[in-house]
PDB file of N, CA and C in Angstrom:
ATOM      1  N   MET A   1     -32.004 -22.552 -22.451  1.00  0.00           N
ATOM      2  CA  MET A   1     -30.578 -22.787 -22.442  1.00  0.00           C
ATOM      3  C   MET A   1     -30.243 -23.788 -21.340  1.00  0.00           C
ATOM      4  N   ALA A   2     -29.469 -24.793 -21.668  1.00  0.00           N
ATOM      5  CA  ALA A   2     -29.096 -25.821 -20.698  1.00  0.00           C
ATOM      6  C   ALA A   2     -28.169 -25.231 -19.637  1.00  0.00           C
ATOM      7  N   ILE A   3     -28.221 -25.832 -18.472  1.00  0.00           N
ATOM      8  CA  ILE A   3     -27.379 -25.389 -17.367  1.00  0.00           C
ATOM      9  C   ILE A   3     -25.925 -25.775 -17.676  1.00  0.00           C
ATOM     10  N   GLU A   4     -25.021 -24.827 -17.490  1.00  0.00           N
ATOM     11  CA  GLU A   4     -23.593 -25.074 -17.731  1.00  0.00           C
ATOM     12  C   GLU A   4     -23.088 -26.178 -16.810  1.00  0.00           C
ATOM     13  N   ALA A   5     -22.121 -26.960 -17.307  1.00  0.00           N
ATOM     14  CA  ALA A   5     -21.620 -28.133 -16.590  1.00  0.00           C
ATOM     15  C   ALA A   5     -21.114 -27.802 -15.192  1.00  0.00           C
ATOM     16  N   ASP A   6     -20.358 -26.710 -15.051  1.00  0.00           N
ATOM     17  CA  ASP A   6     -19.804 -26.344 -13.744  1.00  0.00           C
ATOM     18  C   ASP A   6     -20.919 -26.031 -12.743  1.00  0.00           C
ATOM     19  N   LEU A   7     -21.898 -25.273 -13.189  1.00  0.00           N
ATOM     20  CA  LEU A   7     -23.028 -24.932 -12.322  1.00  0.00           C
ATOM     21  C   LEU A   7     -23.846 -26.181 -12.011  1.00  0.00           C
ATOM     22  N   LYS A   8     -24.044 -27.025 -13.001  1.00  0.00           N
ATOM     23  CA  LYS A   8     -24.808 -28.259 -12.792  1.00  0.00           C
ATOM     24  C   LYS A   8     -24.133 -29.151 -11.744  1.00  0.00           C
ATOM     25  N   ASP A   9     -22.806 -29.218 -11.771  1.00  0.00           N
ATOM     26  CA  ASP A   9     -22.073 -30.000 -10.769  1.00  0.00           C
ATOM     27  C   ASP A   9     -22.321 -29.456  -9.362  1.00  0.00           C
ATOM     28  N   LYS A  10     -22.335 -28.139  -9.234  1.00  0.00           N
ATOM     29  CA  LYS A  10     -22.581 -27.524  -7.929  1.00  0.00           C
ATOM     30  C   LYS A  10     -24.018 -27.765  -7.470  1.00  0.00           C
ATOM     31  N   LEU A  11     -24.945 -27.739  -8.390  1.00  0.00           N
ATOM     32  CA  LEU A  11     -26.350 -28.014  -8.047  1.00  0.00           C
ATOM     33  C   LEU A  11     -26.525 -29.473  -7.639  1.00  0.00           C
ATOM     34  N   GLU A  12     -25.828 -30.355  -8.334  1.00  0.00           N
ATOM     35  CA  GLU A  12     -25.872 -31.781  -7.988  1.00  0.00           C
ATOM     36  C   GLU A  12     -25.337 -31.994  -6.572  1.00  0.00           C
ATOM     37  N   LYS A  13     -24.284 -31.286  -6.226  1.00  0.00           N
ATOM     38  CA  LYS A  13     -23.717 -31.381  -4.871  1.00  0.00           C
ATOM     39  C   LYS A  13     -24.745 -30.927  -3.837  1.00  0.00           C
ATOM     40  N   LYS A  14     -25.439 -29.821  -4.114  1.00  0.00           N
ATOM     41  CA  LYS A  14     -26.475 -29.315  -3.212  1.00  0.00           C
ATOM     42  C   LYS A  14     -27.593 -30.338  -3.070  1.00  0.00           C
ATOM     43  N   LEU A  15     -27.989 -30.937  -4.165  1.00  0.00           N
ATOM     44  CA  LEU A  15     -29.026 -31.959  -4.165  1.00  0.00           C
ATOM     45  C   LEU A  15     -28.630 -33.134  -3.281  1.00  0.00           C
ATOM     46  N   LEU A  16     -27.416 -33.612  -3.445  1.00  0.00           N
ATOM     47  CA  LEU A  16     -26.946 -34.753  -2.648  1.00  0.00           C
ATOM     48  C   LEU A  16     -26.813 -34.391  -1.170  1.00  0.00           C
ATOM     49  N   GLU A  17     -26.423 -33.157  -0.864  1.00  0.00           N
ATOM     50  CA  GLU A  17     -26.371 -32.709   0.534  1.00  0.00           C
ATOM     51  C   GLU A  17     -27.765 -32.772   1.157  1.00  0.00           C
ATOM     52  N   ASN A  18     -28.770 -32.363   0.407  1.00  0.00           N
ATOM     53  CA  ASN A  18     -30.141 -32.402   0.911  1.00  0.00           C
ATOM     54  C   ASN A  18     -30.609 -33.834   1.134  1.00  0.00           C
ATOM     55  N   ILE A  19     -30.240 -34.735   0.251  1.00  0.00           N
ATOM     56  CA  ILE A  19     -30.610 -36.143   0.432  1.00  0.00           C
ATOM     57  C   ILE A  19     -29.925 -36.701   1.674  1.00  0.00           C
ATOM     58  N   ASP A  20     -28.660 -36.355   1.878  1.00  0.00           N
ATOM     59  CA  ASP A  20     -27.946 -36.806   3.081  1.00  0.00           C
ATOM     60  C   ASP A  20     -28.627 -36.299   4.352  1.00  0.00           C
ATOM     61  N   GLU A  21     -29.125 -35.070   4.315  1.00  0.00           N
ATOM     62  CA  GLU A  21     -29.839 -34.526   5.473  1.00  0.00           C
ATOM     63  C   GLU A  21     -31.110 -35.319   5.760  1.00  0.00           C
ATOM     64  N   LEU A  22     -31.777 -35.791   4.708  1.00  0.00           N
ATOM     65  CA  LEU A  22     -32.992 -36.596   4.902  1.00  0.00           C
ATOM     66  C   LEU A  22     -32.684 -37.883   5.662  1.00  0.00           C
ATOM     67  N   LYS A  23     -31.509 -38.439   5.422  1.00  0.00           N
ATOM     68  CA  LYS A  23     -31.117 -39.691   6.069  1.00  0.00           C
ATOM     69  C   LYS A  23     -31.016 -39.533   7.580  1.00  0.00           C
ATOM     70  N   GLU A  24     -30.817 -38.305   8.040  1.00  0.00           N
ATOM     71  CA  GLU A  24     -30.664 -38.048   9.464  1.00  0.00           C
ATOM     72  C   GLU A  24     -32.001 -37.829  10.172  1.00  0.00           C
ATOM     73  N   LEU A  25     -33.053 -37.625   9.402  1.00  0.00           N
ATOM     74  CA  LEU A  25     -34.370 -37.376  10.003  1.00  0.00           C
ATOM     75  C   LEU A  25     -34.933 -38.642  10.628  1.00  0.00           C
ATOM     76  N   ARG A  26     -35.624 -38.482  11.685  1.00  0.00           N
ATOM     77  CA  ARG A  26     -36.354 -39.580  12.310  1.00  0.00           C
ATOM     78  C   ARG A  26     -37.833 -39.243  12.189  1.00  0.00           C
ATOM     79  N   LEU A  27     -38.471 -39.859  11.215  1.00  0.00           N
ATOM     80  CA  LEU A  27     -39.858 -39.523  10.903  1.00  0.00           C
ATOM     81  C   LEU A  27     -40.819 -40.513  11.553  1.00  0.00           C
ATOM     82  N   ASP A  28     -41.843 -39.988  12.171  1.00  0.00           N
ATOM     83  CA  ASP A  28     -42.893 -40.804  12.772  1.00  0.00           C
ATOM     84  C   ASP A  28     -44.023 -40.924  11.748  1.00  0.00           C
ATOM     85  N   HIS A  29     -43.986 -42.006  10.974  1.00  0.00           N
ATOM     86  CA  HIS A  29     -44.944 -42.173   9.884  1.00  0.00           C
ATOM     87  C   HIS A  29     -46.393 -42.205  10.375  1.00  0.00           C
ATOM     88  N   GLN A  30     -46.625 -42.809  11.522  1.00  0.00           N
ATOM     89  CA  GLN A  30     -48.004 -42.869  12.038  1.00  0.00           C
ATOM     90  C   GLN A  30     -48.507 -41.479  12.406  1.00  0.00           C
ATOM     91  N   LYS A  31     -47.656 -40.691  13.029  1.00  0.00           N
ATOM     92  CA  LYS A  31     -48.036 -39.328  13.402  1.00  0.00           C
ATOM     93  C   LYS A  31     -48.297 -38.489  12.152  1.00  0.00           C
ATOM     94  N   ILE A  32     -47.451 -38.633  11.163  1.00  0.00           N
ATOM     95  CA  ILE A  32     -47.618 -37.890   9.911  1.00  0.00           C
ATOM     96  C   ILE A  32     -48.915 -38.306   9.225  1.00  0.00           C
ATOM     97  N   LYS A  33     -49.167 -39.602   9.210  1.00  0.00           N
ATOM     98  CA  LYS A  33     -50.389 -40.108   8.579  1.00  0.00           C
ATOM     99  C   LYS A  33     -51.621 -39.498   9.229  1.00  0.00           C
ATOM    100  N   LYS A  34     -51.596 -39.423  10.564  1.00  0.00           N
ATOM    101  CA  LYS A  34     -52.739 -38.892  11.301  1.00  0.00           C
ATOM    102  C   LYS A  34     -52.859 -37.368  11.134  1.00  0.00           C
ATOM    103  N   GLU A  35     -51.756 -36.647  11.337  1.00  0.00           N
ATOM    104  CA  GLU A  35     -51.808 -35.182  11.303  1.00  0.00           C
ATOM    105  C   GLU A  35     -52.075 -34.625   9.913  1.00  0.00           C
ATOM    106  N   TRP A  36     -51.551 -35.274   8.880  1.00  0.00           N
ATOM    107  CA  TRP A  36     -51.701 -34.771   7.514  1.00  0.00           C
ATOM    108  C   TRP A  36     -52.787 -35.515   6.744  1.00  0.00           C
ATOM    109  N   ASN A  37     -53.408 -36.490   7.407  1.00  0.00           N
ATOM    110  CA  ASN A  37     -54.439 -37.306   6.761  1.00  0.00           C
ATOM    111  C   ASN A  37     -53.896 -37.914   5.464  1.00  0.00           C
ATOM    112  N   ALA A  38     -52.663 -38.399   5.549  1.00  0.00           N
ATOM    113  CA  ALA A  38     -51.991 -38.976   4.385  1.00  0.00           C
ATOM    114  C   ALA A  38     -52.253 -40.477   4.338  1.00  0.00           C
ATOM    115  N   LYS A  39     -52.793 -40.941   3.233  1.00  0.00           N
ATOM    116  CA  LYS A  39     -53.060 -42.372   3.083  1.00  0.00           C
ATOM    117  C   LYS A  39     -51.774 -43.152   2.856  1.00  0.00           C
ATOM    118  N   ASP A  40     -50.866 -42.585   2.098  1.00  0.00           N
ATOM    119  CA  ASP A  40     -49.587 -43.224   1.805  1.00  0.00           C
ATOM    120  C   ASP A  40     -48.478 -42.274   2.251  1.00  0.00           C
ATOM    121  N   THR A  41     -47.978 -42.470   3.457  1.00  0.00           N
ATOM    122  CA  THR A  41     -47.000 -41.521   4.003  1.00  0.00           C
ATOM    123  C   THR A  41     -45.710 -41.487   3.192  1.00  0.00           C
ATOM    124  N   LYS A  42     -45.307 -42.619   2.621  1.00  0.00           N
ATOM    125  CA  LYS A  42     -44.058 -42.624   1.851  1.00  0.00           C
ATOM    126  C   LYS A  42     -44.165 -41.708   0.637  1.00  0.00           C
ATOM    127  N   GLU A  43     -45.261 -41.797  -0.082  1.00  0.00           N
ATOM    128  CA  GLU A  43     -45.444 -40.935  -1.255  1.00  0.00           C
ATOM    129  C   GLU A  43     -45.679 -39.484  -0.846  1.00  0.00           C
ATOM    130  N   PHE A  44     -46.413 -39.282   0.239  1.00  0.00           N
ATOM    131  CA  PHE A  44     -46.637 -37.932   0.756  1.00  0.00           C
ATOM    132  C   PHE A  44     -45.301 -37.280   1.097  1.00  0.00           C
ATOM    133  N   LEU A  45     -44.462 -38.006   1.848  1.00  0.00           N
ATOM    134  CA  LEU A  45     -43.160 -37.467   2.256  1.00  0.00           C
ATOM    135  C   LEU A  45     -42.240 -37.263   1.061  1.00  0.00           C
ATOM    136  N   TYR A  46     -42.297 -38.175   0.088  1.00  0.00           N
ATOM    137  CA  TYR A  46     -41.475 -38.013  -1.107  1.00  0.00           C
ATOM    138  C   TYR A  46     -41.843 -36.703  -1.809  1.00  0.00           C
ATOM    139  N   GLY A  47     -43.130 -36.472  -2.023  1.00  0.00           N
ATOM    140  CA  GLY A  47     -43.569 -35.247  -2.680  1.00  0.00           C
ATOM    141  C   GLY A  47     -43.188 -34.010  -1.888  1.00  0.00           C
ATOM    142  N   PHE A  48     -43.411 -34.067  -0.582  1.00  0.00           N
ATOM    143  CA  PHE A  48     -43.105 -32.941   0.293  1.00  0.00           C
ATOM    144  C   PHE A  48     -41.618 -32.578   0.230  1.00  0.00           C
ATOM    145  N   PHE A  49     -40.770 -33.594   0.395  1.00  0.00           N
ATOM    146  CA  PHE A  49     -39.335 -33.319   0.429  1.00  0.00           C
ATOM    147  C   PHE A  49     -38.748 -33.090  -0.961  1.00  0.00           C
ATOM    148  N   ALA A  50     -39.314 -33.670  -1.997  1.00  0.00           N
ATOM    149  CA  ALA A  50     -38.839 -33.395  -3.353  1.00  0.00           C
ATOM    150  C   ALA A  50     -39.028 -31.916  -3.676  1.00  0.00           C
ATOM    151  N   VAL A  51     -40.145 -31.348  -3.252  1.00  0.00           N
ATOM    152  CA  VAL A  51     -40.400 -29.922  -3.483  1.00  0.00           C
ATOM    153  C   VAL A  51     -39.436 -29.071  -2.648  1.00  0.00           C
ATOM    154  N   LYS A  52     -39.181 -29.482  -1.399  1.00  0.00           N
ATOM    155  CA  LYS A  52     -38.224 -28.740  -0.568  1.00  0.00           C
ATOM    156  C   LYS A  52     -36.817 -28.795  -1.170  1.00  0.00           C
ATOM    157  N   ILE A  53     -36.442 -29.948  -1.691  1.00  0.00           N
ATOM    158  CA  ILE A  53     -35.128 -30.079  -2.319  1.00  0.00           C
ATOM    159  C   ILE A  53     -35.074 -29.215  -3.581  1.00  0.00           C
ATOM    160  N   GLN A  54     -36.148 -29.223  -4.354  1.00  0.00           N
ATOM    161  CA  GLN A  54     -36.188 -28.389  -5.558  1.00  0.00           C
ATOM    162  C   GLN A  54     -36.004 -26.919  -5.192  1.00  0.00           C
ATOM    163  N   ALA A  55     -36.668 -26.476  -4.141  1.00  0.00           N
ATOM    164  CA  ALA A  55     -36.529 -25.078  -3.713  1.00  0.00           C
ATOM    165  C   ALA A  55     -35.086 -24.779  -3.310  1.00  0.00           C
ATOM    166  N   ALA A  56     -34.448 -25.704  -2.588  1.00  0.00           N
ATOM    167  CA  ALA A  56     -33.059 -25.498  -2.157  1.00  0.00           C
ATOM    168  C   ALA A  56     -32.112 -25.438  -3.363  1.00  0.00           C
ATOM    169  N   VAL A  57     -32.330 -26.309  -4.327  1.00  0.00           N
ATOM    170  CA  VAL A  57     -31.470 -26.331  -5.514  1.00  0.00           C
ATOM    171  C   VAL A  57     -31.701 -25.080  -6.360  1.00  0.00           C
ATOM    172  N   MET A  58     -32.944 -24.641  -6.477  1.00  0.00           N
ATOM    173  CA  MET A  58     -33.227 -23.425  -7.242  1.00  0.00           C
ATOM    174  C   MET A  58     -32.648 -22.195  -6.551  1.00  0.00           C
ATOM    175  N   ASP A  59     -32.705 -22.158  -5.216  1.00  0.00           N
ATOM    176  CA  ASP A  59     -32.062 -21.063  -4.474  1.00  0.00           C
ATOM    177  C   ASP A  59     -30.554 -21.058  -4.752  1.00  0.00           C
ATOM    178  N   CYS A  60     -29.964 -22.231  -4.745  1.00  0.00           N
ATOM    179  CA  CYS A  60     -28.535 -22.369  -5.027  1.00  0.00           C
ATOM    180  C   CYS A  60     -28.238 -21.875  -6.452  1.00  0.00           C
ATOM    181  N   PHE A  61     -29.085 -22.241  -7.393  1.00  0.00           N
ATOM    182  CA  PHE A  61     -28.928 -21.780  -8.772  1.00  0.00           C
ATOM    183  C   PHE A  61     -28.908 -20.258  -8.824  1.00  0.00           C
ATOM    184  N   GLN A  62     -29.875 -19.639  -8.150  1.00  0.00           N
ATOM    185  CA  GLN A  62     -29.973 -18.183  -8.167  1.00  0.00           C
ATOM    186  C   GLN A  62     -28.762 -17.525  -7.510  1.00  0.00           C
ATOM    187  N   GLU A  63     -28.304 -18.084  -6.391  1.00  0.00           N
ATOM    188  CA  GLU A  63     -27.143 -17.528  -5.698  1.00  0.00           C
ATOM    189  C   GLU A  63     -25.885 -17.611  -6.564  1.00  0.00           C
ATOM    190  N   LEU A  64     -25.705 -18.742  -7.232  1.00  0.00           N
ATOM    191  CA  LEU A  64     -24.488 -18.954  -8.010  1.00  0.00           C
ATOM    192  C   LEU A  64     -24.504 -18.264  -9.370  1.00  0.00           C
ATOM    193  N   SER A  65     -25.680 -18.184  -9.992  1.00  0.00           N
ATOM    194  CA  SER A  65     -25.756 -17.610 -11.338  1.00  0.00           C
ATOM    195  C   SER A  65     -26.187 -16.146 -11.340  1.00  0.00           C
ATOM    196  N   GLY A  66     -26.824 -15.717 -10.254  1.00  0.00           N
ATOM    197  CA  GLY A  66     -27.301 -14.342 -10.183  1.00  0.00           C
ATOM    198  C   GLY A  66     -28.550 -14.085 -11.002  1.00  0.00           C
ATOM    199  N   LYS A  67     -29.233 -15.155 -11.393  1.00  0.00           N
ATOM    200  CA  LYS A  67     -30.454 -14.986 -12.182  1.00  0.00           C
ATOM    201  C   LYS A  67     -31.483 -16.048 -11.815  1.00  0.00           C
ATOM    202  N   THR A  68     -32.705 -15.784 -12.192  1.00  0.00           N
ATOM    203  CA  THR A  68     -33.788 -16.745 -12.002  1.00  0.00           C
ATOM    204  C   THR A  68     -33.709 -17.783 -13.121  1.00  0.00           C
ATOM    205  N   PRO A  69     -33.885 -19.067 -12.792  1.00  0.00           N
ATOM    206  CA  PRO A  69     -33.800 -20.073 -13.846  1.00  0.00           C
ATOM    207  C   PRO A  69     -34.935 -19.931 -14.861  1.00  0.00           C
ATOM    208  N   THR A  70     -34.608 -20.208 -16.113  1.00  0.00           N
ATOM    209  CA  THR A  70     -35.612 -20.211 -17.173  1.00  0.00           C
ATOM    210  C   THR A  70     -36.483 -21.460 -17.014  1.00  0.00           C
ATOM    211  N   ASP A  71     -37.562 -21.538 -17.771  1.00  0.00           N
ATOM    212  CA  ASP A  71     -38.417 -22.731 -17.728  1.00  0.00           C
ATOM    213  C   ASP A  71     -37.614 -23.985 -18.080  1.00  0.00           C
ATOM    214  N   GLU A  72     -36.746 -23.870 -19.077  1.00  0.00           N
ATOM    215  CA  GLU A  72     -35.922 -25.006 -19.477  1.00  0.00           C
ATOM    216  C   GLU A  72     -34.975 -25.427 -18.347  1.00  0.00           C
ATOM    217  N   GLU A  73     -34.392 -24.463 -17.668  1.00  0.00           N
ATOM    218  CA  GLU A  73     -33.482 -24.763 -16.560  1.00  0.00           C
ATOM    219  C   GLU A  73     -34.237 -25.373 -15.376  1.00  0.00           C
ATOM    220  N   ILE A  74     -35.450 -24.902 -15.134  1.00  0.00           N
ATOM    221  CA  ILE A  74     -36.276 -25.487 -14.075  1.00  0.00           C
ATOM    222  C   ILE A  74     -36.570 -26.953 -14.395  1.00  0.00           C
ATOM    223  N   MET A  75     -36.894 -27.239 -15.652  1.00  0.00           N
ATOM    224  CA  MET A  75     -37.152 -28.628 -16.037  1.00  0.00           C
ATOM    225  C   MET A  75     -35.896 -29.488 -15.872  1.00  0.00           C
ATOM    226  N   GLU A  76     -34.740 -28.917 -16.149  1.00  0.00           N
ATOM    227  CA  GLU A  76     -33.488 -29.643 -15.973  1.00  0.00           C
ATOM    228  C   GLU A  76     -33.236 -29.928 -14.482  1.00  0.00           C
ATOM    229  N   ILE A  77     -33.531 -28.961 -13.632  1.00  0.00           N
ATOM    230  CA  ILE A  77     -33.397 -29.156 -12.186  1.00  0.00           C
ATOM    231  C   ILE A  77     -34.356 -30.238 -11.716  1.00  0.00           C
ATOM    232  N   LYS A  78     -35.594 -30.199 -12.193  1.00  0.00           N
ATOM    233  CA  LYS A  78     -36.566 -31.236 -11.817  1.00  0.00           C
ATOM    234  C   LYS A  78     -36.086 -32.617 -12.266  1.00  0.00           C
ATOM    235  N   SER A  79     -35.516 -32.694 -13.457  1.00  0.00           N
ATOM    236  CA  SER A  79     -34.995 -33.971 -13.957  1.00  0.00           C
ATOM    237  C   SER A  79     -33.858 -34.482 -13.079  1.00  0.00           C
ATOM    238  N   MET A  80     -33.011 -33.571 -12.617  1.00  0.00           N
ATOM    239  CA  MET A  80     -31.920 -33.951 -11.712  1.00  0.00           C
ATOM    240  C   MET A  80     -32.493 -34.586 -10.446  1.00  0.00           C
ATOM    241  N   ILE A  81     -33.527 -33.962  -9.906  1.00  0.00           N
ATOM    242  CA  ILE A  81     -34.137 -34.461  -8.671  1.00  0.00           C
ATOM    243  C   ILE A  81     -34.799 -35.810  -8.924  1.00  0.00           C
ATOM    244  N   LEU A  82     -35.544 -35.923 -10.017  1.00  0.00           N
ATOM    245  CA  LEU A  82     -36.210 -37.184 -10.338  1.00  0.00           C
ATOM    246  C   LEU A  82     -35.211 -38.319 -10.549  1.00  0.00           C
ATOM    247  N   SER A  83     -34.032 -37.998 -11.056  1.00  0.00           N
ATOM    248  CA  SER A  83     -33.025 -39.040 -11.266  1.00  0.00           C
ATOM    249  C   SER A  83     -32.519 -39.611  -9.939  1.00  0.00           C
ATOM    250  N   HIS A  84     -32.773 -38.901  -8.849  1.00  0.00           N
ATOM    251  CA  HIS A  84     -32.388 -39.368  -7.507  1.00  0.00           C
ATOM    252  C   HIS A  84     -33.613 -39.800  -6.695  1.00  0.00           C
ATOM    253  N   GLY A  85     -34.713 -40.039  -7.385  1.00  0.00           N
ATOM    254  CA  GLY A  85     -35.953 -40.397  -6.699  1.00  0.00           C
ATOM    255  C   GLY A  85     -35.830 -41.596  -5.774  1.00  0.00           C
ATOM    256  N   ASP A  86     -35.145 -42.639  -6.235  1.00  0.00           N
ATOM    257  CA  ASP A  86     -34.985 -43.834  -5.398  1.00  0.00           C
ATOM    258  C   ASP A  86     -34.175 -43.531  -4.139  1.00  0.00           C
ATOM    259  N   GLU A  87     -33.149 -42.701  -4.286  1.00  0.00           N
ATOM    260  CA  GLU A  87     -32.332 -42.324  -3.118  1.00  0.00           C
ATOM    261  C   GLU A  87     -33.161 -41.528  -2.112  1.00  0.00           C
ATOM    262  N   ILE A  88     -34.000 -40.645  -2.613  1.00  0.00           N
ATOM    263  CA  ILE A  88     -34.859 -39.852  -1.729  1.00  0.00           C
ATOM    264  C   ILE A  88     -35.831 -40.761  -0.996  1.00  0.00           C
ATOM    265  N   ARG A  89     -36.455 -41.675  -1.736  1.00  0.00           N
ATOM    266  CA  ARG A  89     -37.403 -42.619  -1.102  1.00  0.00           C
ATOM    267  C   ARG A  89     -36.692 -43.478  -0.061  1.00  0.00           C
ATOM    268  N   ASP A  90     -35.496 -43.974  -0.387  1.00  0.00           N
ATOM    269  CA  ASP A  90     -34.740 -44.785   0.553  1.00  0.00           C
ATOM    270  C   ASP A  90     -34.405 -44.000   1.814  1.00  0.00           C
ATOM    271  N   ALA A  91     -34.011 -42.748   1.644  1.00  0.00           N
ATOM    272  CA  ALA A  91     -33.674 -41.903   2.801  1.00  0.00           C
ATOM    273  C   ALA A  91     -34.884 -41.712   3.698  1.00  0.00           C
ATOM    274  N   LEU A  92     -36.061 -41.636   3.119  1.00  0.00           N
ATOM    275  CA  LEU A  92     -37.281 -41.407   3.907  1.00  0.00           C
ATOM    276  C   LEU A  92     -37.829 -42.685   4.527  1.00  0.00           C
ATOM    277  N   SER A  93     -37.341 -43.827   4.096  1.00  0.00           N
ATOM    278  CA  SER A  93     -37.833 -45.118   4.602  1.00  0.00           C
ATOM    279  C   SER A  93     -37.107 -45.574   5.856  1.00  0.00           C
ATOM    280  N   ARG A  94     -36.098 -44.821   6.260  1.00  0.00           N
ATOM    281  CA  ARG A  94     -35.286 -45.217   7.429  1.00  0.00           C
ATOM    282  C   ARG A  94     -36.035 -45.006   8.708  1.00  0.00           C
TER     283      ARG A  94
END
């Protein structure tokens, strides 16, 4: 079942709040590369924070709907996050 429009709007707001928080981070790419043995820190950080954002949005879904998202709803949440992929990457490049 697709996520209802009102709930989807609230999840989108949560997603954008998380992206705004990323813009405030000051990341030391060299330190991350060394400590995490990451060859491509930008992609490493994108994956790391995309998963954190997904967890935050799914928590928001559960709080607002009172239920665990179905597989279809999880895929819809992932699609929402992927649609903001460029914004997430830009936020991490600062």
